[in-house]
C-alpha cells in the first residue's frame, strides 16, 4: 500500500520561508520520480517541482530561484524548501509519486498540506 505523508505546511509572511517534507512508503522510493503539486482555491492543480531518480529537477516558472526540491533516498523522503514566499504561493501542496519529471502526475497522492502566505 502506497502512502505519502506530507508535513511542514503552515502560515508564513511574504518574504518568509517554509519547508515541506513528504515521507513515502510502499514503493521502491529510489526508482520513482517525486513531485510537489499545488492547488489554490478556484484553480487547477499544477506542478510546483519534480525530481527524477537521478536527481534532475524541474520547476514551475513561478517558483524558479525561490523553491528547491530535494530527495533523500535513504530516508524515503522528498523535501521542498520554499523561500521568498509570496501571497500567490498560498495553496494546498500535495506530494506525488509515479509521474514524470515534466509534470504528468502519477497515481499516488498525499493528503495535502496547507500553505498560507500573508502579505
Protein backbone atom coordinates (compact mmCIF):
# COMPACT_ATOMS: atom_id res chain seq x y z
CA UNK A 1 0.00 0.00 0.00
CA UNK A 2 1.50 3.28 -1.12
CA UNK A 3 1.43 6.07 1.44
CA UNK A 4 2.66 9.63 1.09
CA UNK A 5 2.54 11.77 4.21
CA UNK A 6 3.25 15.49 3.95
CA UNK A 7 4.29 17.75 6.78
CA UNK A 8 5.60 21.25 7.28
CA UNK A 9 2.86 23.48 5.94
CA UNK A 10 1.52 26.46 7.83
CA UNK A 11 1.36 30.21 7.86
CA UNK A 12 4.19 32.46 6.71
CA UNK A 13 4.59 36.12 5.95
CA UNK A 14 5.53 37.31 2.49
CA UNK A 15 9.27 37.02 2.10
CA UNK A 16 9.46 34.22 4.62
CA UNK A 17 10.29 30.54 4.30
CA UNK A 18 8.71 27.16 4.86
CA UNK A 19 9.99 23.63 4.35
CA UNK A 20 7.69 20.81 3.30
CA UNK A 21 8.55 17.15 3.70
CA UNK A 22 6.94 14.03 2.28
CA UNK A 23 7.59 10.58 3.71
CA UNK A 24 6.90 7.72 1.31
CA UNK A 25 6.22 4.07 2.00
CA UNK A 26 5.02 1.12 -0.05
CA UNK A 27 7.20 1.98 -3.04
CA UNK A 28 10.78 1.46 -4.08
CA UNK A 29 11.45 5.11 -3.46
CA UNK A 30 14.74 5.42 -5.33
CA UNK A 31 13.09 4.18 -8.55
CA UNK A 32 10.33 6.79 -8.61
CA UNK A 33 10.05 10.35 -9.79
CA UNK A 34 8.76 12.51 -6.94
CA UNK A 35 6.81 15.70 -7.36
CA UNK A 36 5.18 18.52 -5.47
CA UNK A 37 1.95 19.94 -6.84
CA UNK A 38 -0.32 22.66 -5.51
CA UNK A 39 -3.91 23.72 -5.86
CA UNK A 40 -5.17 27.17 -4.99
CA UNK A 41 -8.88 27.89 -4.49
CA UNK A 42 -10.67 28.01 -7.82
CA UNK A 43 -7.62 26.89 -9.76
CA UNK A 44 -6.40 23.66 -11.26
CA UNK A 45 -3.74 21.58 -9.59
CA UNK A 46 -0.33 22.44 -11.00
CA UNK A 47 3.20 21.15 -10.85
CA UNK A 48 5.47 23.06 -8.48
CA UNK A 49 8.63 20.95 -8.73
CA UNK A 50 9.71 17.44 -9.57
CA UNK A 51 12.86 15.40 -9.14
CA UNK A 52 13.99 12.37 -11.09
CA UNK A 53 15.55 9.19 -9.77
CA UNK A 54 18.93 10.64 -10.68
CA UNK A 55 18.32 13.99 -9.06
CA UNK A 56 17.38 16.03 -12.12
CA UNK A 57 14.93 18.75 -11.15
CA UNK A 58 12.17 20.66 -12.88
CA UNK A 59 10.41 23.76 -11.57
CA UNK A 60 7.40 25.81 -12.48
CA UNK A 61 8.50 29.19 -13.81
CA UNK A 62 6.67 30.89 -10.95
CA UNK A 63 8.90 29.29 -8.31
CA UNK A 64 12.28 29.12 -10.05
CA UNK A 65 15.01 30.63 -7.93
CA UNK A 66 12.83 30.55 -4.81
CA UNK A 67 11.97 26.89 -4.24
CA UNK A 68 14.30 23.89 -4.05
CA UNK A 69 13.25 20.26 -4.26
CA UNK A 70 15.48 17.53 -2.88
CA UNK A 71 15.25 13.85 -2.12
CA UNK A 72 16.81 11.55 0.44
CA UNK A 73 16.69 8.00 -0.86
CA UNK A 74 18.00 6.60 2.43
CA UNK A 75 15.06 8.09 4.31
CA UNK A 76 12.44 7.79 1.55
CA UNK A 77 11.67 11.47 1.80
CA UNK A 78 11.33 14.36 -0.60
CA UNK A 79 11.54 17.94 0.58
CA UNK A 80 10.52 21.31 -0.77
CA UNK A 81 12.36 24.33 0.60
CA UNK A 82 10.31 27.43 -0.12
CA UNK A 83 11.99 30.82 0.25
CA UNK A 84 10.89 34.35 -0.60
CA UNK A 85 7.28 33.28 -0.30
CA UNK A 86 4.58 35.32 -1.98
CA UNK A 87 0.84 35.52 -1.25
CA UNK A 88 0.23 33.79 -4.59
CA UNK A 89 2.03 30.71 -3.24
CA UNK A 90 -0.96 30.14 -0.96
CA UNK A 91 -2.39 26.72 -1.80
CA UNK A 92 -2.71 23.14 -0.67
CA UNK A 93 0.54 21.38 -1.53
CA UNK A 94 0.48 17.72 -2.48
CA UNK A 95 3.24 15.14 -2.74
CA UNK A 96 3.03 12.81 -5.73
CA UNK A 97 4.83 9.74 -6.99
CA UNK A 98 4.87 7.67 -10.13
CA UNK A 99 4.62 10.52 -12.59
CA UNK A 100 7.05 12.18 -14.96
CA UNK A 101 9.55 14.92 -14.31
CA UNK A 102 7.83 17.02 -16.96
CA UNK A 103 4.71 17.26 -14.83
CA UNK A 104 2.37 14.41 -15.64
CA UNK A 105 1.38 13.23 -12.17
CA UNK A 106 1.38 9.64 -11.05
CA UNK A 107 -1.46 7.81 -9.40
CA UNK A 108 -0.44 8.30 -5.81
CA UNK A 109 -1.06 11.46 -3.80
CA UNK A 110 -0.56 12.55 -0.24
CA UNK A 111 -3.35 14.13 1.76
CA UNK A 112 -2.02 17.63 1.18
CA UNK A 113 -0.71 20.32 3.47
CA UNK A 114 -1.96 23.90 3.58
CA UNK A 115 0.46 26.74 2.92
CA UNK A 116 -0.82 30.24 3.59
CA UNK A 117 1.29 33.32 2.86
CA UNK A 118 0.11 36.63 4.24
CA UNK A 119 1.04 39.97 2.72
